[in-house]
PDB file of all heavy atoms in Angstrom:
ATOM      1  N   LEU A   1       2.808  10.201   7.933  1.00  0.00           N
ATOM      2  CA  LEU A   1       2.306   9.102   8.757  1.00  0.00           C
ATOM      3  C   LEU A   1       0.816   8.814   8.561  1.00  0.00           C
ATOM      4  O   LEU A   1       0.433   7.636   8.483  1.00  0.00           O
ATOM      5  CB  LEU A   1       2.615   9.374  10.239  1.00  0.00           C
ATOM      6  CG  LEU A   1       2.270   8.230  11.198  1.00  0.00           C
ATOM      7  CD1 LEU A   1       2.997   6.949  10.795  1.00  0.00           C
ATOM      8  CD2 LEU A   1       2.615   8.610  12.640  1.00  0.00           C
ATOM      9  N   PRO A   2      -0.073   9.823   8.485  1.00  0.00           N
ATOM     10  CA  PRO A   2      -1.502   9.487   8.274  1.00  0.00           C
ATOM     11  C   PRO A   2      -1.736   8.678   7.000  1.00  0.00           C
ATOM     12  O   PRO A   2      -2.489   7.698   7.018  1.00  0.00           O
ATOM     13  CB  PRO A   2      -2.169  10.867   8.195  1.00  0.00           C
ATOM     14  CG  PRO A   2      -1.268  11.769   8.982  1.00  0.00           C
ATOM     15  CD  PRO A   2       0.120  11.270   8.703  1.00  0.00           C
ATOM     16  N   LEU A   3      -1.091   9.066   5.889  1.00  0.00           N
ATOM     17  CA  LEU A   3      -1.257   8.330   4.640  1.00  0.00           C
ATOM     18  C   LEU A   3      -0.642   6.934   4.741  1.00  0.00           C
ATOM     19  O   LEU A   3      -1.242   5.944   4.283  1.00  0.00           O
ATOM     20  CB  LEU A   3      -0.615   9.099   3.490  1.00  0.00           C
ATOM     21  CG  LEU A   3      -0.646   8.404   2.112  1.00  0.00           C
ATOM     22  CD1 LEU A   3      -2.085   8.149   1.680  1.00  0.00           C
ATOM     23  CD2 LEU A   3       0.087   9.251   1.075  1.00  0.00           C
ATOM     24  N   LEU A   4       0.541   6.849   5.332  1.00  0.00           N
ATOM     25  CA  LEU A   4       1.196   5.549   5.485  1.00  0.00           C
ATOM     26  C   LEU A   4       0.360   4.624   6.370  1.00  0.00           C
ATOM     27  O   LEU A   4       0.258   3.420   6.106  1.00  0.00           O
ATOM     28  CB  LEU A   4       2.588   5.729   6.090  1.00  0.00           C
ATOM     29  CG  LEU A   4       3.611   6.469   5.223  1.00  0.00           C
ATOM     30  CD1 LEU A   4       4.904   6.694   6.014  1.00  0.00           C
ATOM     31  CD2 LEU A   4       3.896   5.695   3.946  1.00  0.00           C
ATOM     32  N   LEU A   5      -0.235   5.171   7.419  1.00  0.00           N
ATOM     33  CA  LEU A   5      -1.075   4.369   8.313  1.00  0.00           C
ATOM     34  C   LEU A   5      -2.312   3.863   7.581  1.00  0.00           C
ATOM     35  O   LEU A   5      -2.757   2.726   7.798  1.00  0.00           O
ATOM     36  CB  LEU A   5      -1.478   5.216   9.527  1.00  0.00           C
ATOM     37  CG  LEU A   5      -2.085   4.478  10.727  1.00  0.00           C
ATOM     38  CD1 LEU A   5      -1.138   3.403  11.231  1.00  0.00           C
ATOM     39  CD2 LEU A   5      -2.401   5.465  11.846  1.00  0.00           C
ATOM     40  N   LEU A   6      -2.863   4.689   6.696  1.00  0.00           N
ATOM     41  CA  LEU A   6      -4.022   4.268   5.903  1.00  0.00           C
ATOM     42  C   LEU A   6      -3.651   3.093   4.995  1.00  0.00           C
ATOM     43  O   LEU A   6      -4.390   2.095   4.911  1.00  0.00           O
ATOM     44  CB  LEU A   6      -4.535   5.442   5.074  1.00  0.00           C
ATOM     45  CG  LEU A   6      -5.732   5.146   4.154  1.00  0.00           C
ATOM     46  CD1 LEU A   6      -6.939   4.699   4.973  1.00  0.00           C
ATOM     47  CD2 LEU A   6      -6.074   6.385   3.318  1.00  0.00           C
ATOM     48  N   VAL A   7      -2.498   3.182   4.327  1.00  0.00           N
ATOM     49  CA  VAL A   7      -2.033   2.090   3.464  1.00  0.00           C
ATOM     50  C   VAL A   7      -1.787   0.829   4.288  1.00  0.00           C
ATOM     51  O   VAL A   7      -2.168  -0.280   3.886  1.00  0.00           O
ATOM     52  CB  VAL A   7      -0.752   2.499   2.715  1.00  0.00           C
ATOM     53  CG1 VAL A   7      -0.189   1.315   1.918  1.00  0.00           C
ATOM     54  CG2 VAL A   7      -1.018   3.682   1.803  1.00  0.00           C
ATOM     55  N   ALA A   8      -1.161   0.991   5.450  1.00  0.00           N
ATOM     56  CA  ALA A   8      -0.863  -0.158   6.305  1.00  0.00           C
ATOM     57  C   ALA A   8      -2.150  -0.844   6.773  1.00  0.00           C
ATOM     58  O   ALA A   8      -2.212  -2.075   6.859  1.00  0.00           O
ATOM     59  CB  ALA A   8      -0.024   0.282   7.500  1.00  0.00           C
ATOM     60  N   LEU A   9      -3.177  -0.062   7.074  1.00  0.00           N
ATOM     61  CA  LEU A   9      -4.451  -0.632   7.520  1.00  0.00           C
ATOM     62  C   LEU A   9      -5.139  -1.383   6.380  1.00  0.00           C
ATOM     63  O   LEU A   9      -5.747  -2.442   6.598  1.00  0.00           O
ATOM     64  CB  LEU A   9      -5.365   0.482   8.051  1.00  0.00           C
ATOM     65  CG  LEU A   9      -4.970   1.061   9.413  1.00  0.00           C
ATOM     66  CD1 LEU A   9      -5.820   2.286   9.737  1.00  0.00           C
ATOM     67  CD2 LEU A   9      -5.117   0.018  10.512  1.00  0.00           C
ATOM     68  N   VAL A  10      -5.058  -0.855   5.167  1.00  0.00           N
ATOM     69  CA  VAL A  10      -5.621  -1.541   4.000  1.00  0.00           C
ATOM     70  C   VAL A  10      -4.970  -2.915   3.840  1.00  0.00           C
ATOM     71  O   VAL A  10      -5.654  -3.925   3.630  1.00  0.00           O
ATOM     72  CB  VAL A  10      -5.420  -0.688   2.732  1.00  0.00           C
ATOM     73  CG1 VAL A  10      -5.738  -1.517   1.475  1.00  0.00           C
ATOM     74  CG2 VAL A  10      -6.312   0.543   2.773  1.00  0.00           C
ATOM     75  N   LEU A  11      -3.646  -2.952   3.964  1.00  0.00           N
ATOM     76  CA  LEU A  11      -2.926  -4.224   3.845  1.00  0.00           C
ATOM     77  C   LEU A  11      -3.244  -5.149   5.022  1.00  0.00           C
ATOM     78  O   LEU A  11      -3.317  -6.372   4.858  1.00  0.00           O
ATOM     79  CB  LEU A  11      -1.421  -3.967   3.770  1.00  0.00           C
ATOM     80  CG  LEU A  11      -0.938  -3.176   2.546  1.00  0.00           C
ATOM     81  CD1 LEU A  11       0.548  -2.864   2.672  1.00  0.00           C
ATOM     82  CD2 LEU A  11      -1.210  -3.953   1.269  1.00  0.00           C
ATOM     83  N   ALA A  12      -3.423  -4.568   6.220  1.00  0.00           N
ATOM     84  CA  ALA A  12      -3.703  -5.380   7.407  1.00  0.00           C
ATOM     85  C   ALA A  12      -5.040  -6.098   7.291  1.00  0.00           C
ATOM     86  O   ALA A  12      -5.214  -7.193   7.839  1.00  0.00           O
ATOM     87  CB  ALA A  12      -3.685  -4.505   8.656  1.00  0.00           C
ATOM     88  N   PHE A  13      -5.991  -5.486   6.560  1.00  0.00           N
ATOM     89  CA  PHE A  13      -7.300  -6.111   6.370  1.00  0.00           C
ATOM     90  C   PHE A  13      -7.344  -6.991   5.114  1.00  0.00           C
ATOM     91  O   PHE A  13      -8.427  -7.341   4.631  1.00  0.00           O
ATOM     92  CB  PHE A  13      -8.384  -5.034   6.285  1.00  0.00           C
ATOM     93  CG  PHE A  13      -8.749  -4.444   7.616  1.00  0.00           C
ATOM     94  CD1 PHE A  13      -8.251  -3.219   8.003  1.00  0.00           C
ATOM     95  CD2 PHE A  13      -9.576  -5.137   8.499  1.00  0.00           C
ATOM     96  CE1 PHE A  13      -8.584  -2.658   9.230  1.00  0.00           C
ATOM     97  CE2 PHE A  13      -9.915  -4.597   9.729  1.00  0.00           C
ATOM     98  CZ  PHE A  13      -9.417  -3.354  10.101  1.00  0.00           C
ATOM     99  N   ASN A  14      -6.134  -7.341   4.622  1.00  0.00           N
ATOM    100  CA  ASN A  14      -5.989  -8.253   3.477  1.00  0.00           C
ATOM    101  C   ASN A  14      -6.699  -7.748   2.227  1.00  0.00           C
ATOM    102  O   ASN A  14      -7.248  -8.535   1.436  1.00  0.00           O
ATOM    103  CB  ASN A  14      -6.515  -9.655   3.841  1.00  0.00           C
ATOM    104  CG  ASN A  14      -5.641 -10.334   4.874  1.00  0.00           C
ATOM    105  OD1 ASN A  14      -4.417 -10.224   4.837  1.00  0.00           O
ATOM    106  ND2 ASN A  14      -6.268 -11.037   5.807  1.00  0.00           N
ATOM    107  N   ILE A  15      -6.723  -6.443   2.056  1.00  0.00           N
ATOM    108  CA  ILE A  15      -7.267  -5.844   0.833  1.00  0.00           C
ATOM    109  C   ILE A  15      -6.125  -5.673  -0.156  1.00  0.00           C
ATOM    110  O   ILE A  15      -5.138  -4.995   0.139  1.00  0.00           O
ATOM    111  CB  ILE A  15      -7.928  -4.485   1.123  1.00  0.00           C
ATOM    112  CG1 ILE A  15      -9.074  -4.661   2.126  1.00  0.00           C
ATOM    113  CG2 ILE A  15      -8.430  -3.850  -0.169  1.00  0.00           C
ATOM    114  CD1 ILE A  15      -9.706  -3.358   2.567  1.00  0.00           C
ATOM    115  N   GLU A  16      -6.238  -6.284  -1.315  1.00  0.00           N
ATOM    116  CA  GLU A  16      -5.192  -6.176  -2.320  1.00  0.00           C
ATOM    117  C   GLU A  16      -5.143  -4.756  -2.870  1.00  0.00           C
ATOM    118  O   GLU A  16      -6.180  -4.213  -3.293  1.00  0.00           O
ATOM    119  CB  GLU A  16      -5.442  -7.160  -3.462  1.00  0.00           C
ATOM    120  CG  GLU A  16      -5.257  -8.616  -3.075  1.00  0.00           C
ATOM    121  CD  GLU A  16      -3.806  -8.925  -2.732  1.00  0.00           C
ATOM    122  OE1 GLU A  16      -2.907  -8.230  -3.247  1.00  0.00           O
ATOM    123  OE2 GLU A  16      -3.578  -9.846  -1.927  1.00  0.00           O
ATOM    124  N   PRO A  17      -3.984  -4.102  -2.868  1.00  0.00           N
ATOM    125  CA  PRO A  17      -3.890  -2.730  -3.389  1.00  0.00           C
ATOM    126  C   PRO A  17      -4.365  -2.606  -4.836  1.00  0.00           C
ATOM    127  O   PRO A  17      -4.916  -1.575  -5.230  1.00  0.00           O
ATOM    128  CB  PRO A  17      -2.397  -2.405  -3.258  1.00  0.00           C
ATOM    129  CG  PRO A  17      -1.897  -3.316  -2.199  1.00  0.00           C
ATOM    130  CD  PRO A  17      -2.702  -4.571  -2.334  1.00  0.00           C
ATOM    131  N   ALA A  18      -4.159  -3.670  -5.629  1.00  0.00           N
ATOM    132  CA  ALA A  18      -4.533  -3.612  -7.046  1.00  0.00           C
ATOM    133  C   ALA A  18      -6.036  -3.443  -7.236  1.00  0.00           C
ATOM    134  O   ALA A  18      -6.483  -2.957  -8.289  1.00  0.00           O
ATOM    135  CB  ALA A  18      -4.056  -4.874  -7.756  1.00  0.00           C
ATOM    136  N   THR A  19      -6.841  -3.832  -6.227  1.00  0.00           N
ATOM    137  CA  THR A  19      -8.295  -3.678  -6.342  1.00  0.00           C
ATOM    138  C   THR A  19      -8.726  -2.228  -6.153  1.00  0.00           C
ATOM    139  O   THR A  19      -9.853  -1.873  -6.502  1.00  0.00           O
ATOM    140  CB  THR A  19      -9.009  -4.551  -5.299  1.00  0.00           C
ATOM    141  OG1 THR A  19      -8.606  -4.141  -3.972  1.00  0.00           O
ATOM    142  CG2 THR A  19      -8.648  -6.017  -5.492  1.00  0.00           C
ATOM    143  N   LEU A  20      -7.876  -1.394  -5.603  1.00  0.00           N
ATOM    144  CA  LEU A  20      -8.207   0.011  -5.375  1.00  0.00           C
ATOM    145  C   LEU A  20      -7.993   0.831  -6.636  1.00  0.00           C
ATOM    146  O   LEU A  20      -8.871   1.596  -7.041  1.00  0.00           O
ATOM    147  CB  LEU A  20      -7.360   0.567  -4.226  1.00  0.00           C
ATOM    148  CG  LEU A  20      -7.514  -0.150  -2.878  1.00  0.00           C
ATOM    149  CD1 LEU A  20      -6.590   0.462  -1.849  1.00  0.00           C
ATOM    150  CD2 LEU A  20      -8.965  -0.080  -2.401  1.00  0.00           C
ATOM    151  N   PHE A  21      -6.837   0.698  -7.243  1.00  0.00           N
ATOM    152  CA  PHE A  21      -6.579   1.345  -8.530  1.00  0.00           C
ATOM    153  C   PHE A  21      -5.386   0.659  -9.180  1.00  0.00           C
ATOM    154  O   PHE A  21      -4.576   0.025  -8.516  1.00  0.00           O
ATOM    155  CB  PHE A  21      -6.322   2.856  -8.391  1.00  0.00           C
ATOM    156  CG  PHE A  21      -5.152   3.206  -7.515  1.00  0.00           C
ATOM    157  CD1 PHE A  21      -3.865   3.322  -8.050  1.00  0.00           C
ATOM    158  CD2 PHE A  21      -5.339   3.433  -6.155  1.00  0.00           C
ATOM    159  CE1 PHE A  21      -2.801   3.657  -7.247  1.00  0.00           C
ATOM    160  CE2 PHE A  21      -4.270   3.774  -5.349  1.00  0.00           C
ATOM    161  CZ  PHE A  21      -2.989   3.884  -5.895  1.00  0.00           C
ATOM    162  N   GLN A  22      -5.299   0.780 -10.489  1.00  0.00           N
ATOM    163  CA  GLN A  22      -4.269   0.092 -11.255  1.00  0.00           C
ATOM    164  C   GLN A  22      -2.875   0.595 -10.873  1.00  0.00           C
ATOM    165  O   GLN A  22      -2.636   1.792 -10.793  1.00  0.00           O
ATOM    166  CB  GLN A  22      -4.498   0.298 -12.757  1.00  0.00           C
ATOM    167  CG  GLN A  22      -3.571  -0.537 -13.639  1.00  0.00           C
ATOM    168  CD  GLN A  22      -3.894  -0.375 -15.109  1.00  0.00           C
ATOM    169  OE1 GLN A  22      -4.749   0.421 -15.470  1.00  0.00           O
ATOM    170  NE2 GLN A  22      -3.221  -1.144 -15.955  1.00  0.00           N
ATOM    171  N   GLY A  23      -1.979  -0.342 -10.629  1.00  0.00           N
ATOM    172  CA  GLY A  23      -0.600   0.007 -10.292  1.00  0.00           C
ATOM    173  C   GLY A  23      -0.354   0.230  -8.817  1.00  0.00           C
ATOM    174  O   GLY A  23       0.779   0.525  -8.416  1.00  0.00           O
ATOM    175  N   ALA A  24      -1.411   0.081  -7.983  1.00  0.00           N
ATOM    176  CA  ALA A  24      -1.246   0.337  -6.552  1.00  0.00           C
ATOM    177  C   ALA A  24      -0.316  -0.682  -5.907  1.00  0.00           C
ATOM    178  O   ALA A  24       0.462  -0.335  -4.999  1.00  0.00           O
ATOM    179  CB  ALA A  24      -2.602   0.317  -5.854  1.00  0.00           C
ATOM    180  N   ASP A  25      -0.389  -1.942  -6.366  1.00  0.00           N
ATOM    181  CA  ASP A  25       0.461  -2.966  -5.779  1.00  0.00           C
ATOM    182  C   ASP A  25       1.934  -2.688  -6.051  1.00  0.00           C
ATOM    183  O   ASP A  25       2.795  -2.904  -5.188  1.00  0.00           O
ATOM    184  CB  ASP A  25       0.075  -4.349  -6.306  1.00  0.00           C
ATOM    185  CG  ASP A  25       0.008  -4.386  -7.826  1.00  0.00           C
ATOM    186  OD1 ASP A  25      -0.001  -3.303  -8.457  1.00  0.00           O
ATOM    187  OD2 ASP A  25      -0.056  -5.499  -8.380  1.00  0.00           O
ATOM    188  N   THR A  26       2.238  -2.175  -7.253  1.00  0.00           N
ATOM    189  CA  THR A  26       3.629  -1.823  -7.574  1.00  0.00           C
ATOM    190  C   THR A  26       4.093  -0.649  -6.735  1.00  0.00           C
ATOM    191  O   THR A  26       5.243  -0.618  -6.255  1.00  0.00           O
ATOM    192  CB  THR A  26       3.760  -1.474  -9.073  1.00  0.00           C
ATOM    193  OG1 THR A  26       3.301  -2.582  -9.854  1.00  0.00           O
ATOM    194  CG2 THR A  26       5.203  -1.162  -9.429  1.00  0.00           C
ATOM    195  N   MET A  27       3.210   0.321  -6.528  1.00  0.00           N
ATOM    196  CA  MET A  27       3.558   1.482  -5.698  1.00  0.00           C
ATOM    197  C   MET A  27       3.849   1.060  -4.268  1.00  0.00           C
ATOM    198  O   MET A  27       4.788   1.553  -3.641  1.00  0.00           O
ATOM    199  CB  MET A  27       2.420   2.505  -5.734  1.00  0.00           C
ATOM    200  CG  MET A  27       2.225   3.194  -7.069  1.00  0.00           C
ATOM    201  SD  MET A  27       0.831   4.348  -7.043  1.00  0.00           S
ATOM    202  CE  MET A  27       1.386   5.514  -5.777  1.00  0.00           C
ATOM    203  N   VAL A  28       3.039   0.126  -3.751  1.00  0.00           N
ATOM    204  CA  VAL A  28       3.246  -0.343  -2.383  1.00  0.00           C
ATOM    205  C   VAL A  28       4.562  -1.105  -2.275  1.00  0.00           C
ATOM    206  O   VAL A  28       5.336  -0.920  -1.331  1.00  0.00           O
ATOM    207  CB  VAL A  28       2.072  -1.235  -1.939  1.00  0.00           C
ATOM    208  CG1 VAL A  28       2.400  -1.968  -0.638  1.00  0.00           C
ATOM    209  CG2 VAL A  28       0.814  -0.398  -1.758  1.00  0.00           C
ATOM    210  N   LEU A  29       4.854  -1.950  -3.266  1.00  0.00           N
ATOM    211  CA  LEU A  29       6.073  -2.749  -3.242  1.00  0.00           C
ATOM    212  C   LEU A  29       7.313  -1.864  -3.257  1.00  0.00           C
ATOM    213  O   LEU A  29       8.179  -1.982  -2.387  1.00  0.00           O
ATOM    214  CB  LEU A  29       6.096  -3.708  -4.429  1.00  0.00           C
ATOM    215  CG  LEU A  29       7.361  -4.571  -4.572  1.00  0.00           C
ATOM    216  CD1 LEU A  29       7.495  -5.533  -3.407  1.00  0.00           C
ATOM    217  CD2 LEU A  29       7.343  -5.336  -5.898  1.00  0.00           C
ATOM    218  N   TYR A  30       7.391  -0.979  -4.245  1.00  0.00           N
ATOM    219  CA  TYR A  30       8.591  -0.157  -4.384  1.00  0.00           C
ATOM    220  C   TYR A  30       8.614   1.000  -3.380  1.00  0.00           C
ATOM    221  O   TYR A  30       9.680   1.382  -2.897  1.00  0.00           O
ATOM    222  CB  TYR A  30       8.703   0.371  -5.812  1.00  0.00           C
ATOM    223  CG  TYR A  30       9.120  -0.692  -6.797  1.00  0.00           C
ATOM    224  CD1 TYR A  30       8.176  -1.379  -7.554  1.00  0.00           C
ATOM    225  CD2 TYR A  30      10.458  -1.033  -6.949  1.00  0.00           C
ATOM    226  CE1 TYR A  30       8.553  -2.375  -8.449  1.00  0.00           C
ATOM    227  CE2 TYR A  30      10.847  -2.019  -7.850  1.00  0.00           C
ATOM    228  CZ  TYR A  30       9.887  -2.686  -8.587  1.00  0.00           C
ATOM    229  OH  TYR A  30      10.269  -3.670  -9.468  1.00  0.00           O
ATOM    230  N   GLY A  31       7.442   1.551  -3.088  1.00  0.00           N
ATOM    231  CA  GLY A  31       7.386   2.636  -2.111  1.00  0.00           C
ATOM    232  C   GLY A  31       7.776   2.166  -0.722  1.00  0.00           C
ATOM    233  O   GLY A  31       8.558   2.822  -0.025  1.00  0.00           O
ATOM    234  N   GLY A  32       7.229   1.016  -0.305  1.00  0.00           N
ATOM    235  CA  GLY A  32       7.588   0.471   1.009  1.00  0.00           C
ATOM    236  C   GLY A  32       9.047   0.105   1.088  1.00  0.00           C
ATOM    237  O   GLY A  32       9.710   0.343   2.106  1.00  0.00           O
ATOM    238  N   SER A  33       9.587  -0.471   0.008  1.00  0.00           N
ATOM    239  CA  SER A  33      11.003  -0.842  -0.015  1.00  0.00           C
ATOM    240  C   SER A  33      11.883   0.400   0.094  1.00  0.00           C
ATOM    241  O   SER A  33      12.863   0.423   0.852  1.00  0.00           O
ATOM    242  CB  SER A  33      11.334  -1.595  -1.299  1.00  0.00           C
ATOM    243  OG  SER A  33      10.568  -2.772  -1.400  1.00  0.00           O
ATOM    244  N   PHE A  34      11.533   1.438  -0.664  1.00  0.00           N
ATOM    245  CA  PHE A  34      12.312   2.679  -0.620  1.00  0.00           C
ATOM    246  C   PHE A  34      12.303   3.297   0.774  1.00  0.00           C
ATOM    247  O   PHE A  34      13.340   3.719   1.298  1.00  0.00           O
ATOM    248  CB  PHE A  34      11.764   3.667  -1.646  1.00  0.00           C
ATOM    249  CG  PHE A  34      12.383   5.037  -1.542  1.00  0.00           C
ATOM    250  CD1 PHE A  34      13.639   5.296  -2.076  1.00  0.00           C
ATOM    251  CD2 PHE A  34      11.700   6.064  -0.893  1.00  0.00           C
ATOM    252  CE1 PHE A  34      14.209   6.562  -1.964  1.00  0.00           C
ATOM    253  CE2 PHE A  34      12.261   7.324  -0.777  1.00  0.00           C
ATOM    254  CZ  PHE A  34      13.526   7.578  -1.317  1.00  0.00           C
ATOM    255  N   LEU A  35      11.133   3.355   1.391  1.00  0.00           N
ATOM    256  CA  LEU A  35      11.023   3.982   2.713  1.00  0.00           C
ATOM    257  C   LEU A  35      11.738   3.162   3.780  1.00  0.00           C
ATOM    258  O   LEU A  35      12.308   3.724   4.720  1.00  0.00           O
ATOM    259  CB  LEU A  35       9.546   4.159   3.074  1.00  0.00           C
ATOM    260  CG  LEU A  35       8.793   5.188   2.217  1.00  0.00           C
ATOM    261  CD1 LEU A  35       7.300   5.140   2.503  1.00  0.00           C
ATOM    262  CD2 LEU A  35       9.338   6.591   2.473  1.00  0.00           C
ATOM    263  N   ALA A  36      11.719   1.833   3.645  1.00  0.00           N
ATOM    264  CA  ALA A  36      12.447   0.986   4.591  1.00  0.00           C
ATOM    265  C   ALA A  36      13.944   1.231   4.495  1.00  0.00           C
ATOM    266  O   ALA A  36      14.642   1.391   5.502  1.00  0.00           O
ATOM    267  CB  ALA A  36      12.124  -0.487   4.342  1.00  0.00           C
TER     268      ALA A  36
END
């Protein structure tokens, strides 16, 4: 939950995951889908 909450807050502030590191947007897309 702490890590997931950190990712959720990054997205809530409209920060694109790809700006953090390469491939982050793909990880968020597939990781969030898998967890859902």
